[in-house]
Amino acid sequence: EALAKGTIKIIPRLSDIESDLVSTEDFADPEENLRRLPAIPSCMVCYDENIQGFNLACGQHSICIDCSRNLFQSAVRDTSLLPLRCCDVPIDMNISSWLLSPEDSNLIQFRMYEMSAREKMYCPNCN
């Protein structure tokens, strides 16, 4: 009954939705996308200066490509880091397609989707 009323959200298996999460067009040339990033004054993590990177949505910090990749890879392994934030402002998870393999990008997008569910129900027979 709760399912029919929409108060329970079913979390599909990753294999059921992975083709919908990240378009293959996003991976057309992620290295080219990264090459087009602007130079940032300094990375807030490694302190490298005049390096390509991302200006974060908080408006106060920037992070280089290598540190961004490390942060996203850490979030793939440790979901307690999600959603990624800087100064309590969420980091755009769509850039995962530029920084991670297609499999890891799909996985992190799935985990974000899973976290957004209000009332989760897991199948005891599935992994």
Foldseek 3Di string as FASTA:
>chain_A
DCVVVVVFDEQDDLVVCLCVQDPVVLVPPLVVVQVPAAFDQAAPPPGDGRAGFDQFPVNPGTHHLVVVLVLLVVCLVPVVCPQPDDPNHGGPLNCCSSRDDSVSSSSSSSSVVVVPTDHYDDDPVDD
